Protein backbone atom coordinates (compact mmCIF):
# COMPACT_ATOMS: atom_id res chain seq x y z
CA UNK A 1 9.24 22.65 5.71
CA UNK A 2 10.52 18.99 5.33
CA UNK A 3 10.11 18.04 2.32
CA UNK A 4 10.76 15.18 -0.49
CA UNK A 5 10.74 14.82 -4.22
CA UNK A 6 9.05 11.85 -5.88
CA UNK A 7 10.94 10.27 -9.01
CA UNK A 8 8.72 12.27 -11.41
CA UNK A 9 10.33 15.63 -9.45
CA UNK A 10 6.71 16.68 -7.00
CA UNK A 11 7.26 17.88 -4.00
CA UNK A 12 5.76 16.00 -0.94
CA UNK A 13 5.06 17.53 2.29
CA UNK A 14 5.17 15.67 5.37
CA UNK A 15 5.61 16.06 9.22
CA UNK A 16 7.35 13.54 10.96
CA UNK A 17 7.37 14.06 15.05
CA UNK A 18 8.65 12.03 18.04
CA UNK A 19 10.23 8.48 17.94
CA UNK A 20 9.27 4.91 18.67
CA UNK A 21 7.35 2.61 16.29
CA UNK A 22 6.07 4.64 13.57
CA UNK A 23 2.61 5.31 13.06
CA UNK A 24 2.02 6.73 9.04
CA UNK A 25 -1.21 8.45 8.31
CA UNK A 26 -2.56 8.66 4.88
CA UNK A 27 -5.79 11.16 4.93
CA UNK A 28 -9.23 11.55 2.71
CA UNK A 29 -10.15 13.57 -0.18
CA UNK A 30 -9.93 16.26 -0.35
CA UNK A 31 -7.77 17.29 2.79
CA UNK A 32 -4.22 17.22 3.72
CA UNK A 33 -1.64 15.40 6.87
CA UNK A 34 -3.47 18.35 9.17
CA UNK A 35 -7.07 16.04 9.50
CA UNK A 36 -5.17 13.69 11.48
CA UNK A 37 -4.29 16.04 13.91
CA UNK A 38 -6.09 14.08 16.81
CA UNK A 39 -4.45 11.08 15.61
CA UNK A 40 -1.10 12.72 15.43
CA UNK A 41 -1.05 14.28 18.89
CA UNK A 42 -2.54 11.28 20.93
CA UNK A 43 0.19 8.58 19.79
CA UNK A 44 2.91 11.52 20.27
CA UNK A 45 1.75 11.18 24.21
CA UNK A 46 1.74 7.66 24.09
CA UNK A 47 5.52 6.99 22.75
CA UNK A 48 4.89 6.98 18.80
CA UNK A 49 6.75 8.23 15.95
CA UNK A 50 3.90 9.98 13.43
CA UNK A 51 3.89 10.69 10.22
CA UNK A 52 1.79 11.98 7.91
CA UNK A 53 2.23 13.65 4.48
CA UNK A 54 0.19 16.14 2.32
CA UNK A 55 -0.87 13.79 -1.21
CA UNK A 56 0.33 15.15 -4.05
CA UNK A 57 -1.93 18.13 -5.19
CA UNK A 58 -3.38 18.66 -1.80
CA UNK A 59 -2.00 20.99 1.34
CA UNK A 60 1.18 22.13 1.18
CA UNK A 61 2.16 19.43 -1.29
CA UNK A 62 2.69 20.80 -4.88
CA UNK A 63 -0.11 21.50 -7.13
CA UNK A 64 0.98 19.20 -9.98
CA UNK A 65 -1.20 18.76 -13.38
CA UNK A 66 -1.00 15.25 -13.68
CA UNK A 67 -0.21 12.20 -11.74
CA UNK A 68 -4.05 11.93 -9.34
CA UNK A 69 -4.16 8.69 -9.74
CA UNK A 70 -3.75 5.57 -7.41
CA UNK A 71 -0.89 4.06 -8.53
CA UNK A 72 1.03 7.95 -7.92
CA UNK A 73 -0.37 8.21 -4.50
CA UNK A 74 1.13 4.54 -3.27
CA UNK A 75 4.45 5.37 -5.07
CA UNK A 76 4.50 8.96 -3.40
CA UNK A 77 3.62 6.84 0.03
CA UNK A 78 6.64 4.73 -1.20
CA UNK A 79 8.96 7.06 -1.77
CA UNK A 80 8.05 8.83 2.19
CA UNK A 81 8.82 5.85 3.57
CA UNK A 82 11.91 5.03 2.11
CA UNK A 83 13.28 8.14 2.56
CA UNK A 84 12.72 8.12 6.14
CA UNK A 85 13.36 4.40 6.28
CA UNK A 86 10.54 3.19 7.87
CA UNK A 87 10.08 0.05 9.51
CA UNK A 88 7.69 -2.10 11.28
CA UNK A 89 5.99 0.57 10.55
CA UNK A 90 1.55 0.50 10.98
CA UNK A 91 -0.12 2.18 8.39
CA UNK A 92 -3.21 4.33 8.40
CA UNK A 93 -5.52 5.00 6.17
CA UNK A 94 -9.13 7.15 6.20
CA UNK A 95 -11.64 7.53 3.11
CA UNK A 96 -9.28 7.44 0.36
CA UNK A 97 -6.19 7.01 2.06
CA UNK A 98 -7.50 3.69 2.61
CA UNK A 99 -7.34 3.12 -0.86
CA UNK A 100 -3.56 4.62 -0.86
CA UNK A 101 -2.49 2.30 1.78
CA UNK A 102 -4.05 -1.03 0.22
CA UNK A 103 -2.52 -0.47 -2.72
CA UNK A 104 1.07 0.50 -1.50
CA UNK A 105 0.77 -2.91 0.36
CA UNK A 106 -0.09 -4.72 -2.81
CA UNK A 107 2.05 -2.91 -5.10
CA UNK A 108 5.31 -2.05 -2.85
CA UNK A 109 4.94 -4.89 -0.28
CA UNK A 110 5.14 -5.71 2.91
CA UNK A 111 8.73 -5.57 4.19
CA UNK A 112 8.20 -2.16 5.88
CA UNK A 113 4.94 -2.74 7.48
CA UNK A 114 3.16 -4.21 10.49
CA UNK A 115 -0.37 -3.55 10.42
CA UNK A 116 -2.61 -1.65 8.82
CA UNK A 117 -5.63 0.26 9.27
CA UNK A 118 -8.82 0.88 6.99
CA UNK A 119 -11.32 4.01 8.37
CA UNK A 120 -14.26 4.64 6.70
CA UNK A 121 -11.98 3.80 3.45
CA UNK A 122 -12.67 3.49 -0.05
CA UNK A 123 -12.29 -0.44 -1.20
CA UNK A 124 -12.88 -2.44 -2.66
CA UNK A 125 -14.68 -0.31 -5.05
CA UNK A 126 -16.84 2.33 -4.90
CA UNK A 127 -19.10 2.66 -8.14
CA UNK A 128 -21.60 0.63 -8.96
CA UNK A 129 -20.96 -1.82 -12.34
CA UNK A 130 -22.02 -5.04 -13.34
CA UNK A 131 -19.72 -6.87 -11.12
CA UNK A 132 -20.23 -4.49 -7.71
CA UNK A 133 -24.12 -3.59 -8.06
CA UNK A 134 -23.94 -2.51 -3.96
CA UNK A 135 -21.55 0.53 -5.29
CA UNK A 136 -22.92 4.23 -5.98
CA UNK A 137 -23.61 4.98 -9.39
CA UNK A 138 -21.24 6.80 -11.92
CA UNK A 139 -23.68 9.73 -11.74
CA UNK A 140 -22.65 10.62 -8.42
CA UNK A 141 -19.69 11.20 -9.11
CA UNK A 142 -19.74 12.88 -11.58
CA UNK A 143 -21.71 15.36 -9.70
CA UNK A 144 -18.85 15.42 -7.40
CA UNK A 145 -16.47 16.82 -10.60
CA UNK A 146 -18.86 19.09 -11.92
CA UNK A 147 -19.33 20.67 -8.40
CA UNK A 148 -15.39 20.87 -8.14
CA UNK A 149 -14.94 22.07 -11.37
CA UNK A 150 -17.62 24.95 -11.01
CA UNK A 151 -17.94 26.16 -7.43
CA UNK A 152 -15.49 23.85 -5.11
CA UNK A 153 -15.60 26.96 -2.29
CA UNK A 154 -19.45 26.13 -1.97
CA UNK A 155 -19.33 22.29 -2.58
CA UNK A 156 -16.75 21.93 0.15
CA UNK A 157 -18.77 23.90 2.82
CA UNK A 158 -22.03 21.85 1.65
CA UNK A 159 -20.00 18.51 2.41
CA UNK A 160 -18.57 19.20 5.34
CA UNK A 161 -21.84 20.74 7.41
CA UNK A 162 -23.91 17.59 5.94
CA UNK A 163 -23.13 14.46 5.11
CA UNK A 164 -19.38 14.11 5.57
CA UNK A 165 -19.10 14.47 9.55
CA UNK A 166 -23.38 13.62 9.67
CA UNK A 167 -24.01 17.41 10.99
CA UNK A 168 -27.41 16.76 8.53
CA UNK A 169 -28.79 13.89 10.70
CA UNK A 170 -31.58 15.01 13.67
CA UNK A 171 -29.91 15.66 16.85
CA UNK A 172 -26.26 15.89 15.81
CA UNK A 173 -25.02 19.70 16.83
CA UNK A 174 -22.75 21.07 14.14
CA UNK A 175 -19.46 22.30 14.58
CA UNK A 176 -18.44 25.74 13.14
CA UNK A 177 -14.63 25.01 13.99
CA UNK A 178 -14.67 21.44 12.51
CA UNK A 179 -16.51 22.80 9.16
CA UNK A 180 -14.47 25.41 9.05
CA UNK A 181 -11.48 23.26 9.71
CA UNK A 182 -12.38 20.85 6.29
CA UNK A 183 -13.28 23.87 3.90
CA UNK A 184 -9.83 25.57 4.91
CA UNK A 185 -7.78 22.37 4.21
CA UNK A 186 -9.66 21.18 1.40
CA UNK A 187 -9.36 25.03 -0.33
CA UNK A 188 -5.76 24.86 0.56
CA UNK A 189 -5.41 22.20 -2.15
CA UNK A 190 -5.51 22.23 -5.67
CA UNK A 191 -8.90 22.55 -8.46
CA UNK A 192 -7.43 19.84 -10.58
CA UNK A 193 -5.81 17.13 -8.12
CA UNK A 194 -9.32 16.94 -6.36
CA UNK A 195 -11.09 16.57 -9.71
CA UNK A 196 -9.52 13.99 -10.52
CA UNK A 197 -8.86 12.27 -7.22
CA UNK A 198 -13.09 11.82 -7.67
CA UNK A 199 -11.91 9.22 -10.23
CA UNK A 200 -9.30 7.84 -8.07
CA UNK A 201 -10.86 7.05 -5.23
CA UNK A 202 -14.20 5.94 -6.89
CA UNK A 203 -13.43 4.08 -9.93
CA UNK A 204 -10.10 2.14 -9.07
CA UNK A 205 -10.67 -1.28 -7.81
CA UNK A 206 -9.03 -2.50 -5.19
CA UNK A 207 -9.76 -6.00 -4.94
CA UNK A 208 -6.67 -7.83 -5.97
CA UNK A 209 -4.52 -5.66 -3.53
CA UNK A 210 -6.79 -6.40 -0.49
CA UNK A 211 -6.31 -10.53 -1.65
CA UNK A 212 -2.26 -9.62 -1.37
CA UNK A 213 -2.11 -8.09 2.02
CA UNK A 214 -1.21 -10.75 4.56
CA UNK A 215 -0.39 -8.47 7.43
CA UNK A 216 -2.78 -7.82 10.04
CA UNK A 217 -5.51 -5.57 8.70
CA UNK A 218 -8.45 -3.65 11.15
CA UNK A 219 -11.26 -2.21 8.69
CA UNK A 220 -13.19 0.65 11.09
CA UNK A 221 -16.49 1.41 9.65
CA UNK A 222 -19.65 3.67 10.82
CA UNK A 223 -22.71 2.22 9.75
CA UNK A 224 -23.78 5.71 9.27
CA UNK A 225 -21.36 6.53 6.64
CA UNK A 226 -22.93 8.72 4.15
CA UNK A 227 -19.66 9.02 2.10
CA UNK A 228 -18.46 5.50 1.70
CA UNK A 229 -21.59 3.21 2.35
CA UNK A 230 -20.86 0.40 4.90
CA UNK A 231 -22.34 -2.18 3.22
CA UNK A 232 -20.35 -1.89 -0.02
CA UNK A 233 -17.55 -1.03 1.66
CA UNK A 234 -15.82 -2.26 5.06
CA UNK A 235 -17.22 -5.76 5.66
CA UNK A 236 -16.18 -6.68 2.15
CA UNK A 237 -12.63 -5.82 2.42
CA UNK A 238 -12.54 -7.07 5.70
CA UNK A 239 -13.47 -10.42 4.13
CA UNK A 240 -11.02 -10.40 1.66
CA UNK A 241 -7.43 -9.53 3.28
CA UNK A 242 -6.08 -12.47 4.77
CA UNK A 243 -5.87 -11.32 8.14
CA UNK A 244 -8.60 -8.99 8.95
CA UNK A 245 -11.27 -7.68 11.62
CA UNK A 246 -14.17 -5.73 10.75
CA UNK A 247 -15.11 -3.35 13.58
CA UNK A 248 -18.37 -1.05 13.49
CA UNK A 249 -19.45 1.77 15.05
CA UNK A 250 -23.46 2.29 15.24
CA UNK A 251 -24.87 5.76 13.75
CA UNK A 252 -20.52 6.76 13.80
CA UNK A 253 -20.27 9.23 10.56
CA UNK A 254 -17.74 9.19 7.49
CA UNK A 255 -15.51 11.64 9.58
CA UNK A 256 -15.30 9.58 12.92
CA UNK A 257 -11.99 9.90 13.51
CA UNK A 258 -12.43 13.96 13.66
CA UNK A 259 -15.78 13.55 15.47
CA UNK A 260 -15.62 10.23 17.69
CA UNK A 261 -11.39 10.46 18.10
CA UNK A 262 -11.65 10.05 21.52
CA UNK A 263 -13.73 6.09 20.49
CA UNK A 264 -11.47 5.73 17.25
CA UNK A 265 -7.28 6.67 19.01
CA UNK A 266 -8.41 4.01 22.14
CA UNK A 267 -9.68 1.31 19.42
CA UNK A 268 -6.34 1.94 17.54
CA UNK A 269 -3.91 2.01 20.22
CA UNK A 270 -5.80 -1.35 21.65
CA UNK A 271 -5.33 -3.17 17.98
CA UNK A 272 -1.55 -1.46 17.34
CA UNK A 273 -0.55 -2.59 20.74
CA UNK A 274 -2.00 -6.33 20.26
């Protein structure tokens, strides 16, 4: 398996297929690079070089006890881009991965990047604070941590079969294969990484990061996102970046890169080719 070792000795697994302009995909919590299969194959067949890594503690990367925070996530992504000597890269992040992309660009600069895409992403800030009254109460994320610590397998099954893909909505037919694949990815990772990662994606404020980003950014968000509510995320992120475009998807769920891959891939391709 292709891997790199970061500055603190953590082994990170990655996929690197094809040639051409690189597109780098950062996955959401608590999944792995496999969550991008529909995008990896689509863009590979369209002549791009596609790269996706398993975040530390997730998938096939090392299950470290520590380092499950946005600084380490961004630094690990920087280590990967440097190792592969990527230039003119398009960075695409879903959910927590969108936060990873935003923090990477702000923390490590844009010299290797051409464009960025934030899909159903956690920025600017998920948790409710005095400055962010539209956020979700901290008790919601405390509950996530409790369920991850006590009965992770059951919790993951409930997330995948319910709000993540909108399978709990009337008239939406659930896909057992999609549910099982989500559960498989989640259970491959480490409980400690996932537990700590909840704090990372919910409490980190990306506002200043977003303000620093000057490359073109496409913000894609479904207005029926039950995991990262639309009103306090997508529109705000698109306004904070210097060169942002918001694309809103009526009725699409959080996991729309999987359930609505055909639409998402076509819009991604159009943005990259512009």
